[in-house]
N, C-alpha and C. Protein backbone atom coordinates (compact mmCIF):
# COMPACT_ATOMS: atom_id res chain seq x y z
N MET A 1 -4.25 -9.12 -4.39
CA MET A 1 -4.14 -10.37 -3.67
C MET A 1 -5.54 -10.79 -3.27
N GLU A 2 -6.10 -11.64 -4.07
CA GLU A 2 -7.50 -12.02 -3.91
C GLU A 2 -7.78 -12.72 -2.59
N ASP A 3 -6.83 -13.42 -2.06
CA ASP A 3 -7.05 -14.20 -0.85
C ASP A 3 -6.41 -13.56 0.39
N PHE A 4 -6.40 -12.24 0.46
CA PHE A 4 -5.80 -11.56 1.60
C PHE A 4 -6.53 -11.99 2.87
N ASP A 5 -5.76 -12.46 3.85
CA ASP A 5 -6.33 -12.97 5.10
C ASP A 5 -5.57 -12.38 6.28
N PRO A 6 -6.20 -11.46 7.02
CA PRO A 6 -5.52 -10.84 8.17
C PRO A 6 -5.06 -11.85 9.22
N ASN A 7 -5.69 -13.02 9.28
CA ASN A 7 -5.32 -14.02 10.27
C ASN A 7 -3.87 -14.49 10.13
N ARG A 8 -3.27 -14.27 8.99
CA ARG A 8 -1.87 -14.66 8.77
C ARG A 8 -0.89 -13.86 9.63
N TYR A 9 -1.35 -12.73 10.16
CA TYR A 9 -0.43 -11.80 10.80
C TYR A 9 -0.63 -11.69 12.31
N GLY A 10 -1.55 -12.45 12.86
CA GLY A 10 -1.74 -12.45 14.30
C GLY A 10 -2.98 -11.68 14.75
N ALA A 11 -3.37 -11.95 15.99
CA ALA A 11 -4.61 -11.42 16.55
C ALA A 11 -4.63 -9.90 16.61
N ALA A 12 -3.50 -9.27 16.93
CA ALA A 12 -3.47 -7.80 17.04
C ALA A 12 -3.76 -7.15 15.69
N VAL A 13 -3.20 -7.70 14.64
CA VAL A 13 -3.44 -7.15 13.30
C VAL A 13 -4.87 -7.43 12.86
N VAL A 14 -5.39 -8.61 13.20
CA VAL A 14 -6.79 -8.93 12.88
C VAL A 14 -7.71 -7.88 13.49
N ARG A 15 -7.52 -7.59 14.78
CA ARG A 15 -8.37 -6.59 15.46
C ARG A 15 -8.23 -5.21 14.83
N LEU A 16 -7.02 -4.85 14.48
CA LEU A 16 -6.77 -3.54 13.90
C LEU A 16 -7.43 -3.42 12.52
N LEU A 17 -7.19 -4.38 11.64
CA LEU A 17 -7.75 -4.30 10.29
C LEU A 17 -9.27 -4.46 10.29
N ALA A 18 -9.83 -5.09 11.33
CA ALA A 18 -11.28 -5.23 11.44
C ALA A 18 -11.96 -3.87 11.60
N LEU A 19 -11.20 -2.86 11.98
CA LEU A 19 -11.76 -1.51 12.13
C LEU A 19 -12.15 -0.89 10.79
N ASP A 20 -11.60 -1.43 9.70
CA ASP A 20 -11.93 -0.89 8.38
C ASP A 20 -11.66 -1.92 7.29
N ALA A 21 -12.64 -2.76 7.02
CA ALA A 21 -12.68 -3.64 5.85
C ALA A 21 -11.69 -4.80 5.86
N ASN A 22 -11.08 -5.10 6.99
CA ASN A 22 -10.24 -6.30 7.12
C ASN A 22 -9.12 -6.41 6.09
N GLY A 23 -8.49 -5.28 5.79
CA GLY A 23 -7.39 -5.29 4.83
C GLY A 23 -7.83 -5.18 3.39
N LYS A 24 -9.10 -4.92 3.17
CA LYS A 24 -9.62 -4.83 1.80
C LYS A 24 -10.15 -3.43 1.48
N ARG A 25 -9.76 -2.48 2.29
CA ARG A 25 -10.16 -1.09 2.09
C ARG A 25 -9.56 -0.54 0.80
N LEU A 26 -10.35 0.26 0.09
CA LEU A 26 -9.82 0.97 -1.07
C LEU A 26 -9.22 2.27 -0.53
N ILE A 27 -7.92 2.31 -0.43
CA ILE A 27 -7.21 3.47 0.10
C ILE A 27 -7.29 4.58 -0.95
N PRO A 28 -7.66 5.79 -0.56
CA PRO A 28 -7.78 6.88 -1.55
C PRO A 28 -6.47 7.12 -2.32
N LEU A 29 -6.63 7.58 -3.55
CA LEU A 29 -5.47 7.88 -4.39
C LEU A 29 -4.74 9.13 -3.91
N THR A 30 -5.42 9.96 -3.15
CA THR A 30 -4.82 11.16 -2.58
C THR A 30 -4.96 11.09 -1.07
N CYS A 31 -3.85 11.30 -0.38
CA CYS A 31 -3.89 11.18 1.08
C CYS A 31 -4.71 12.30 1.70
N GLY A 32 -5.30 11.94 2.80
CA GLY A 32 -6.08 12.89 3.59
C GLY A 32 -5.75 12.63 5.04
N GLY A 33 -6.69 12.85 5.91
CA GLY A 33 -6.48 12.56 7.32
C GLY A 33 -6.66 11.09 7.61
N CYS A 34 -6.25 10.69 8.80
CA CYS A 34 -6.42 9.30 9.24
C CYS A 34 -7.89 8.92 9.14
N SER A 35 -8.16 7.75 8.59
CA SER A 35 -9.53 7.31 8.37
C SER A 35 -10.18 6.74 9.62
N SER A 36 -9.38 6.35 10.61
CA SER A 36 -9.93 5.74 11.82
C SER A 36 -9.21 6.25 13.06
N PRO A 37 -9.85 7.13 13.81
CA PRO A 37 -9.21 7.59 15.06
C PRO A 37 -8.91 6.44 16.01
N GLU A 38 -9.76 5.42 16.01
CA GLU A 38 -9.53 4.27 16.89
C GLU A 38 -8.27 3.51 16.46
N ALA A 39 -8.10 3.29 15.17
CA ALA A 39 -6.89 2.62 14.67
C ALA A 39 -5.66 3.45 14.98
N SER A 40 -5.76 4.74 14.78
CA SER A 40 -4.64 5.63 15.08
C SER A 40 -4.22 5.51 16.54
N GLN A 41 -5.20 5.51 17.43
CA GLN A 41 -4.91 5.40 18.86
C GLN A 41 -4.24 4.07 19.19
N ILE A 42 -4.73 3.00 18.61
CA ILE A 42 -4.12 1.68 18.84
C ILE A 42 -2.69 1.66 18.33
N LEU A 43 -2.49 2.17 17.11
CA LEU A 43 -1.14 2.17 16.52
C LEU A 43 -0.17 3.02 17.34
N LYS A 44 -0.67 4.08 17.95
CA LYS A 44 0.20 4.94 18.77
C LYS A 44 0.64 4.25 20.05
N THR A 45 -0.16 3.30 20.53
CA THR A 45 0.15 2.68 21.83
C THR A 45 0.91 1.37 21.71
N LEU A 46 1.01 0.81 20.51
CA LEU A 46 1.70 -0.47 20.33
C LEU A 46 2.96 -0.29 19.49
N THR A 47 3.96 -1.08 19.79
CA THR A 47 5.18 -1.07 18.99
C THR A 47 5.02 -2.06 17.84
N ALA A 48 5.95 -1.99 16.90
CA ALA A 48 5.95 -2.95 15.80
C ALA A 48 6.11 -4.37 16.35
N ALA A 49 6.92 -4.55 17.38
CA ALA A 49 7.11 -5.87 17.97
C ALA A 49 5.84 -6.36 18.66
N ASP A 50 5.06 -5.44 19.25
CA ASP A 50 3.79 -5.83 19.86
C ASP A 50 2.80 -6.33 18.80
N LEU A 51 2.72 -5.60 17.71
CA LEU A 51 1.75 -5.91 16.66
C LEU A 51 2.17 -7.09 15.80
N LEU A 52 3.44 -7.16 15.49
CA LEU A 52 3.93 -8.11 14.50
C LEU A 52 5.18 -8.82 15.01
N PRO A 53 5.07 -9.58 16.08
CA PRO A 53 6.27 -10.17 16.70
C PRO A 53 7.07 -11.09 15.78
N ASP A 54 6.42 -11.73 14.83
CA ASP A 54 7.11 -12.69 13.97
C ASP A 54 7.33 -12.19 12.55
N ALA A 55 7.04 -10.93 12.30
CA ALA A 55 7.17 -10.38 10.95
C ALA A 55 8.63 -10.26 10.55
N PRO A 56 8.94 -10.54 9.29
CA PRO A 56 10.33 -10.39 8.83
C PRO A 56 10.79 -8.94 8.77
N ASN A 57 9.88 -7.99 8.56
CA ASN A 57 10.25 -6.58 8.54
C ASN A 57 9.16 -5.80 9.27
N ARG A 58 9.24 -5.82 10.60
CA ARG A 58 8.20 -5.22 11.46
C ARG A 58 7.98 -3.74 11.18
N GLU A 59 9.08 -2.99 11.08
CA GLU A 59 8.94 -1.54 10.88
C GLU A 59 8.25 -1.23 9.56
N ALA A 60 8.62 -1.95 8.51
CA ALA A 60 7.98 -1.71 7.21
C ALA A 60 6.50 -2.09 7.28
N ALA A 61 6.19 -3.20 7.96
CA ALA A 61 4.79 -3.60 8.11
C ALA A 61 4.01 -2.56 8.90
N LEU A 62 4.63 -1.98 9.93
CA LEU A 62 3.98 -0.93 10.71
C LEU A 62 3.72 0.30 9.84
N ALA A 63 4.68 0.67 9.01
CA ALA A 63 4.46 1.79 8.08
C ALA A 63 3.26 1.48 7.18
N GLY A 64 3.16 0.23 6.75
CA GLY A 64 2.04 -0.18 5.91
C GLY A 64 0.70 -0.09 6.63
N LEU A 65 0.69 -0.41 7.91
CA LEU A 65 -0.55 -0.29 8.68
C LEU A 65 -0.98 1.17 8.81
N TRP A 66 -0.03 2.04 9.09
CA TRP A 66 -0.36 3.47 9.15
C TRP A 66 -0.90 3.93 7.80
N LEU A 67 -0.27 3.50 6.72
CA LEU A 67 -0.72 3.91 5.39
C LEU A 67 -2.12 3.36 5.12
N TYR A 68 -2.40 2.13 5.55
CA TYR A 68 -3.72 1.53 5.32
C TYR A 68 -4.82 2.44 5.86
N PHE A 69 -4.56 3.05 7.00
CA PHE A 69 -5.56 3.93 7.61
C PHE A 69 -5.37 5.39 7.19
N SER A 70 -4.59 5.62 6.14
CA SER A 70 -4.36 6.95 5.56
C SER A 70 -3.73 7.94 6.53
N CYS A 71 -2.94 7.45 7.45
CA CYS A 71 -2.22 8.31 8.40
C CYS A 71 -0.85 8.61 7.80
N PHE A 72 -0.84 9.57 6.89
CA PHE A 72 0.33 9.87 6.08
C PHE A 72 1.56 10.21 6.92
N GLU A 73 1.43 11.14 7.85
CA GLU A 73 2.60 11.61 8.60
C GLU A 73 3.26 10.48 9.39
N GLU A 74 2.45 9.67 10.05
CA GLU A 74 3.00 8.57 10.85
C GLU A 74 3.68 7.52 9.96
N ALA A 75 3.02 7.17 8.86
CA ALA A 75 3.61 6.21 7.92
C ALA A 75 4.90 6.77 7.32
N HIS A 76 4.87 8.04 6.97
CA HIS A 76 6.04 8.68 6.37
C HIS A 76 7.22 8.70 7.33
N GLN A 77 6.97 8.99 8.59
CA GLN A 77 8.06 9.03 9.57
C GLN A 77 8.78 7.69 9.66
N ILE A 78 8.03 6.61 9.72
CA ILE A 78 8.63 5.28 9.80
C ILE A 78 9.38 4.95 8.52
N ALA A 79 8.73 5.17 7.38
CA ALA A 79 9.33 4.84 6.09
C ALA A 79 10.60 5.66 5.85
N GLN A 80 10.57 6.91 6.24
CA GLN A 80 11.72 7.80 6.03
C GLN A 80 12.90 7.44 6.92
N ASP A 81 12.62 6.96 8.12
CA ASP A 81 13.68 6.68 9.09
C ASP A 81 14.38 5.34 8.87
N SER A 82 13.85 4.51 8.00
CA SER A 82 14.44 3.20 7.76
C SER A 82 15.10 3.18 6.40
N GLY A 83 16.16 2.45 6.28
CA GLY A 83 16.83 2.33 5.00
C GLY A 83 16.50 1.05 4.27
N SER A 84 15.52 0.29 4.77
CA SER A 84 15.22 -1.00 4.14
C SER A 84 14.51 -0.77 2.80
N PRO A 85 14.73 -1.66 1.84
CA PRO A 85 14.04 -1.54 0.56
C PRO A 85 12.52 -1.56 0.72
N ASP A 86 12.02 -2.33 1.70
CA ASP A 86 10.57 -2.37 1.92
C ASP A 86 10.05 -1.02 2.39
N CYS A 87 10.76 -0.38 3.31
CA CYS A 87 10.34 0.96 3.77
C CYS A 87 10.48 1.98 2.65
N GLU A 88 11.50 1.83 1.83
CA GLU A 88 11.64 2.76 0.70
C GLU A 88 10.47 2.61 -0.27
N LEU A 89 9.98 1.38 -0.43
CA LEU A 89 8.83 1.19 -1.30
C LEU A 89 7.58 1.82 -0.68
N TRP A 90 7.36 1.64 0.63
CA TRP A 90 6.24 2.33 1.28
C TRP A 90 6.40 3.84 1.11
N HIS A 91 7.62 4.33 1.24
CA HIS A 91 7.90 5.76 1.10
C HIS A 91 7.48 6.25 -0.29
N ALA A 92 7.83 5.49 -1.30
CA ALA A 92 7.46 5.85 -2.67
C ALA A 92 5.94 5.88 -2.84
N ILE A 93 5.27 4.87 -2.29
CA ILE A 93 3.81 4.80 -2.39
C ILE A 93 3.18 6.00 -1.68
N LEU A 94 3.68 6.32 -0.51
CA LEU A 94 3.16 7.48 0.23
C LEU A 94 3.25 8.76 -0.60
N HIS A 95 4.40 8.96 -1.24
CA HIS A 95 4.55 10.18 -2.04
C HIS A 95 3.68 10.15 -3.29
N ARG A 96 3.41 8.95 -3.83
CA ARG A 96 2.47 8.87 -4.96
C ARG A 96 1.09 9.31 -4.50
N GLN A 97 0.71 8.95 -3.26
CA GLN A 97 -0.60 9.32 -2.73
C GLN A 97 -0.64 10.76 -2.25
N GLU A 98 0.50 11.38 -2.05
CA GLU A 98 0.53 12.73 -1.48
C GLU A 98 -0.32 13.73 -2.26
N PRO A 99 -0.41 13.92 -3.47
CA PRO A 99 0.41 13.35 -4.53
C PRO A 99 1.61 14.24 -4.87
N ASP A 100 2.75 13.60 -4.95
CA ASP A 100 3.99 14.26 -5.35
C ASP A 100 4.71 13.29 -6.29
N ALA A 101 4.34 13.35 -7.55
CA ALA A 101 4.84 12.39 -8.54
C ALA A 101 6.37 12.39 -8.64
N GLY A 102 6.98 13.55 -8.58
CA GLY A 102 8.44 13.62 -8.69
C GLY A 102 9.13 12.95 -7.52
N ASN A 103 8.66 13.21 -6.32
CA ASN A 103 9.24 12.59 -5.13
C ASN A 103 8.97 11.08 -5.13
N ALA A 104 7.77 10.68 -5.55
CA ALA A 104 7.47 9.25 -5.64
C ALA A 104 8.42 8.58 -6.62
N ALA A 105 8.65 9.20 -7.77
CA ALA A 105 9.55 8.62 -8.77
C ALA A 105 10.97 8.49 -8.21
N TYR A 106 11.41 9.50 -7.45
CA TYR A 106 12.73 9.43 -6.82
C TYR A 106 12.85 8.19 -5.96
N TRP A 107 11.83 7.94 -5.11
CA TRP A 107 11.88 6.80 -4.20
C TRP A 107 11.72 5.48 -4.95
N PHE A 108 10.90 5.46 -5.99
CA PHE A 108 10.80 4.23 -6.79
C PHE A 108 12.13 3.93 -7.47
N ARG A 109 12.85 4.95 -7.92
CA ARG A 109 14.18 4.72 -8.50
C ARG A 109 15.12 4.14 -7.45
N LYS A 110 15.06 4.65 -6.22
CA LYS A 110 15.90 4.11 -5.13
C LYS A 110 15.59 2.65 -4.87
N VAL A 111 14.31 2.30 -4.94
CA VAL A 111 13.90 0.90 -4.70
C VAL A 111 14.44 -0.01 -5.79
N GLY A 112 14.37 0.44 -7.03
CA GLY A 112 14.76 -0.43 -8.14
C GLY A 112 13.72 -1.53 -8.30
N THR A 113 14.18 -2.72 -8.57
CA THR A 113 13.28 -3.86 -8.71
C THR A 113 13.02 -4.43 -7.32
N HIS A 114 11.76 -4.63 -7.01
CA HIS A 114 11.38 -5.17 -5.69
C HIS A 114 10.79 -6.57 -5.87
N PRO A 115 10.98 -7.46 -4.91
CA PRO A 115 10.47 -8.83 -5.05
C PRO A 115 8.96 -8.96 -5.21
N ILE A 116 8.18 -7.94 -4.82
CA ILE A 116 6.72 -8.05 -4.98
C ILE A 116 6.26 -7.72 -6.40
N TYR A 117 7.10 -7.12 -7.21
CA TYR A 117 6.66 -6.64 -8.51
C TYR A 117 6.05 -7.71 -9.42
N PRO A 118 6.61 -8.92 -9.51
CA PRO A 118 5.96 -9.92 -10.37
C PRO A 118 4.53 -10.26 -9.92
N ALA A 119 4.34 -10.45 -8.62
CA ALA A 119 2.98 -10.75 -8.11
C ALA A 119 2.05 -9.57 -8.35
N LEU A 120 2.56 -8.36 -8.18
CA LEU A 120 1.75 -7.17 -8.39
C LEU A 120 1.36 -7.03 -9.87
N ALA A 121 2.28 -7.33 -10.76
CA ALA A 121 1.98 -7.28 -12.19
C ALA A 121 0.87 -8.27 -12.54
N ARG A 122 0.94 -9.48 -11.99
CA ARG A 122 -0.11 -10.48 -12.26
C ARG A 122 -1.46 -10.01 -11.73
N GLN A 123 -1.46 -9.47 -10.53
CA GLN A 123 -2.72 -9.02 -9.93
C GLN A 123 -3.29 -7.82 -10.70
N ALA A 124 -2.43 -6.90 -11.10
CA ALA A 124 -2.89 -5.74 -11.88
C ALA A 124 -3.51 -6.21 -13.19
N ALA A 125 -2.90 -7.19 -13.84
CA ALA A 125 -3.46 -7.71 -15.10
C ALA A 125 -4.85 -8.29 -14.87
N ARG A 126 -5.04 -9.02 -13.76
CA ARG A 126 -6.36 -9.59 -13.44
C ARG A 126 -7.38 -8.47 -13.22
N ILE A 127 -6.97 -7.47 -12.48
CA ILE A 127 -7.88 -6.35 -12.19
C ILE A 127 -8.27 -5.64 -13.47
N LEU A 128 -7.30 -5.40 -14.33
CA LEU A 128 -7.56 -4.64 -15.56
C LEU A 128 -8.50 -5.37 -16.52
N GLU A 129 -8.61 -6.69 -16.39
CA GLU A 129 -9.56 -7.44 -17.22
C GLU A 129 -10.98 -6.95 -16.98
N SER A 130 -11.26 -6.45 -15.78
CA SER A 130 -12.61 -5.96 -15.45
C SER A 130 -12.82 -4.51 -15.88
N TYR A 131 -11.77 -3.85 -16.33
CA TYR A 131 -11.85 -2.43 -16.68
C TYR A 131 -11.21 -2.20 -18.05
N PRO A 132 -11.87 -2.66 -19.13
CA PRO A 132 -11.25 -2.53 -20.45
C PRO A 132 -10.98 -1.09 -20.87
N GLY A 133 -11.68 -0.12 -20.28
CA GLY A 133 -11.47 1.28 -20.64
C GLY A 133 -10.31 1.93 -19.89
N ALA A 134 -9.76 1.25 -18.91
CA ALA A 134 -8.65 1.83 -18.14
C ALA A 134 -7.39 1.83 -18.98
N GLU A 135 -6.69 2.95 -18.96
CA GLU A 135 -5.50 3.13 -19.79
C GLU A 135 -4.24 2.80 -19.01
N PHE A 136 -4.01 1.50 -18.84
CA PHE A 136 -2.80 1.04 -18.15
C PHE A 136 -2.42 -0.29 -18.77
N ARG A 137 -1.18 -0.41 -19.16
CA ARG A 137 -0.73 -1.62 -19.83
C ARG A 137 -0.23 -2.62 -18.79
N ALA A 138 -0.79 -3.80 -18.83
CA ALA A 138 -0.35 -4.87 -17.94
C ALA A 138 0.90 -5.52 -18.53
N GLY A 139 1.58 -6.23 -17.73
CA GLY A 139 2.81 -6.90 -18.13
C GLY A 139 3.79 -6.79 -16.98
N ARG A 140 5.02 -6.46 -17.26
CA ARG A 140 6.00 -6.24 -16.21
C ARG A 140 5.58 -5.01 -15.41
N TRP A 141 5.67 -5.10 -14.07
CA TRP A 141 5.24 -3.98 -13.23
C TRP A 141 6.14 -2.78 -13.46
N ASP A 142 5.52 -1.64 -13.72
CA ASP A 142 6.24 -0.39 -13.93
C ASP A 142 5.68 0.64 -12.96
N PRO A 143 6.36 0.89 -11.84
CA PRO A 143 5.83 1.83 -10.85
C PRO A 143 5.71 3.25 -11.38
N PHE A 144 6.53 3.61 -12.35
CA PHE A 144 6.48 4.95 -12.92
C PHE A 144 5.23 5.12 -13.78
N ALA A 145 4.89 4.08 -14.53
CA ALA A 145 3.65 4.11 -15.31
C ALA A 145 2.44 4.15 -14.38
N PHE A 146 2.56 3.49 -13.21
CA PHE A 146 1.43 3.51 -12.28
C PHE A 146 1.28 4.88 -11.64
N ILE A 147 2.37 5.60 -11.43
CA ILE A 147 2.26 6.99 -10.96
C ILE A 147 1.41 7.79 -11.94
N SER A 148 1.74 7.69 -13.22
CA SER A 148 0.99 8.42 -14.25
C SER A 148 -0.46 7.97 -14.33
N PHE A 149 -0.68 6.68 -14.20
CA PHE A 149 -2.03 6.13 -14.21
C PHE A 149 -2.85 6.72 -13.08
N CYS A 150 -2.26 6.78 -11.89
CA CYS A 150 -2.96 7.35 -10.73
C CYS A 150 -3.23 8.84 -10.93
N GLU A 151 -2.28 9.56 -11.54
CA GLU A 151 -2.48 10.98 -11.82
C GLU A 151 -3.69 11.17 -12.74
N ARG A 152 -3.78 10.35 -13.77
CA ARG A 152 -4.93 10.44 -14.70
C ARG A 152 -6.22 10.04 -13.98
N ALA A 153 -6.15 9.01 -13.16
CA ALA A 153 -7.34 8.52 -12.45
C ALA A 153 -7.90 9.58 -11.50
N ARG A 154 -7.02 10.32 -10.83
CA ARG A 154 -7.48 11.38 -9.92
C ARG A 154 -8.29 12.44 -10.64
N ALA A 155 -7.96 12.65 -11.91
CA ALA A 155 -8.65 13.67 -12.70
C ALA A 155 -9.96 13.15 -13.29
N GLN A 156 -10.28 11.88 -13.04
CA GLN A 156 -11.49 11.27 -13.60
C GLN A 156 -12.29 10.55 -12.50
N PRO A 157 -12.77 11.30 -11.51
CA PRO A 157 -13.51 10.64 -10.42
C PRO A 157 -14.70 9.84 -10.93
N GLY A 158 -14.87 8.65 -10.38
CA GLY A 158 -15.98 7.79 -10.76
C GLY A 158 -15.77 6.99 -12.02
N SER A 159 -14.63 7.15 -12.66
CA SER A 159 -14.36 6.47 -13.93
C SER A 159 -13.81 5.05 -13.71
N ALA A 160 -13.79 4.29 -14.80
CA ALA A 160 -13.15 2.97 -14.78
C ALA A 160 -11.67 3.12 -14.43
N GLN A 161 -11.08 4.19 -14.91
CA GLN A 161 -9.67 4.47 -14.63
C GLN A 161 -9.45 4.60 -13.11
N GLU A 162 -10.30 5.38 -12.45
CA GLU A 162 -10.15 5.57 -11.01
C GLU A 162 -10.40 4.25 -10.27
N ARG A 163 -11.42 3.54 -10.64
CA ARG A 163 -11.74 2.28 -9.95
C ARG A 163 -10.59 1.27 -10.12
N ALA A 164 -10.06 1.16 -11.32
CA ALA A 164 -8.94 0.25 -11.55
C ALA A 164 -7.73 0.67 -10.73
N ALA A 165 -7.43 1.96 -10.70
CA ALA A 165 -6.29 2.45 -9.92
C ALA A 165 -6.47 2.13 -8.44
N LEU A 166 -7.67 2.34 -7.91
CA LEU A 166 -7.93 2.04 -6.51
C LEU A 166 -7.75 0.55 -6.21
N GLU A 167 -8.25 -0.29 -7.11
CA GLU A 167 -8.13 -1.73 -6.88
C GLU A 167 -6.69 -2.21 -7.01
N ILE A 168 -5.96 -1.67 -7.96
CA ILE A 168 -4.54 -2.04 -8.10
C ILE A 168 -3.77 -1.55 -6.88
N GLN A 169 -4.07 -0.35 -6.42
CA GLN A 169 -3.40 0.18 -5.23
C GLN A 169 -3.69 -0.70 -4.01
N ARG A 170 -4.94 -1.18 -3.89
CA ARG A 170 -5.27 -2.08 -2.78
C ARG A 170 -4.45 -3.37 -2.89
N ALA A 171 -4.35 -3.93 -4.10
CA ALA A 171 -3.54 -5.14 -4.30
C ALA A 171 -2.08 -4.87 -3.94
N GLU A 172 -1.59 -3.71 -4.32
CA GLU A 172 -0.21 -3.32 -3.99
C GLU A 172 -0.01 -3.32 -2.47
N TRP A 173 -0.97 -2.70 -1.75
CA TRP A 173 -0.87 -2.67 -0.29
C TRP A 173 -0.88 -4.08 0.28
N GLN A 174 -1.81 -4.90 -0.17
CA GLN A 174 -1.94 -6.25 0.36
C GLN A 174 -0.68 -7.08 0.10
N ILE A 175 -0.16 -7.02 -1.09
CA ILE A 175 1.02 -7.82 -1.45
C ILE A 175 2.25 -7.34 -0.69
N LEU A 176 2.44 -6.02 -0.61
CA LEU A 176 3.61 -5.50 0.11
C LEU A 176 3.47 -5.75 1.62
N PHE A 177 2.27 -5.55 2.16
CA PHE A 177 2.09 -5.82 3.59
C PHE A 177 2.37 -7.30 3.87
N ASP A 178 1.86 -8.19 3.05
CA ASP A 178 2.11 -9.61 3.23
C ASP A 178 3.61 -9.91 3.18
N HIS A 179 4.30 -9.30 2.24
CA HIS A 179 5.75 -9.49 2.11
C HIS A 179 6.48 -9.06 3.38
N CYS A 180 6.03 -7.97 3.98
CA CYS A 180 6.70 -7.42 5.17
C CYS A 180 6.26 -8.11 6.46
N ALA A 181 5.03 -8.59 6.51
CA ALA A 181 4.45 -9.02 7.79
C ALA A 181 4.31 -10.52 7.97
N ARG A 182 4.18 -11.27 6.89
CA ARG A 182 3.91 -12.70 7.08
C ARG A 182 5.16 -13.43 7.53
N PRO A 183 5.04 -14.15 8.65
CA PRO A 183 6.19 -14.95 9.10
C PRO A 183 6.58 -15.95 8.02
N ARG A 184 7.86 -16.09 7.84
CA ARG A 184 8.36 -17.00 6.78
C ARG A 184 8.61 -18.37 7.36
């Protein structure tokens, strides 16, 4: 999502995302610890309604914020406790980053087709134009193929494959967060 703008989601989200690249952070392909203790502290003290009062799916957007800052456990708890398709998609993404390809595939199967997939496919195709050596076929979004792509990218640090995977993953986060958080 080339025009990602935190201002669409309110002042609290703007302040939070300003702690790390304003929603344009390249989230690692493998989860680690929380990237921002300050963001973690803020997220612990605010509810989804405090952060995203007008969001169509506050809990899913909150899971996305935790994931943005690589706070796996907190994001996982929210995603796991909700039965919404948006939370199930965050859940799948979290397990892809764990990395647990089998568990990620299970959750992607539960999600089925998600409304963000066409936009994500278009954005992935744009990103891949800059990385002709990356081994990922653009077209219809295939989350299972992206699991495999990320697995290969992890094994090639510093490669075009890794850079493309990171940028596609960032686009995925931006598009899904927008879907969950932007007031309609």
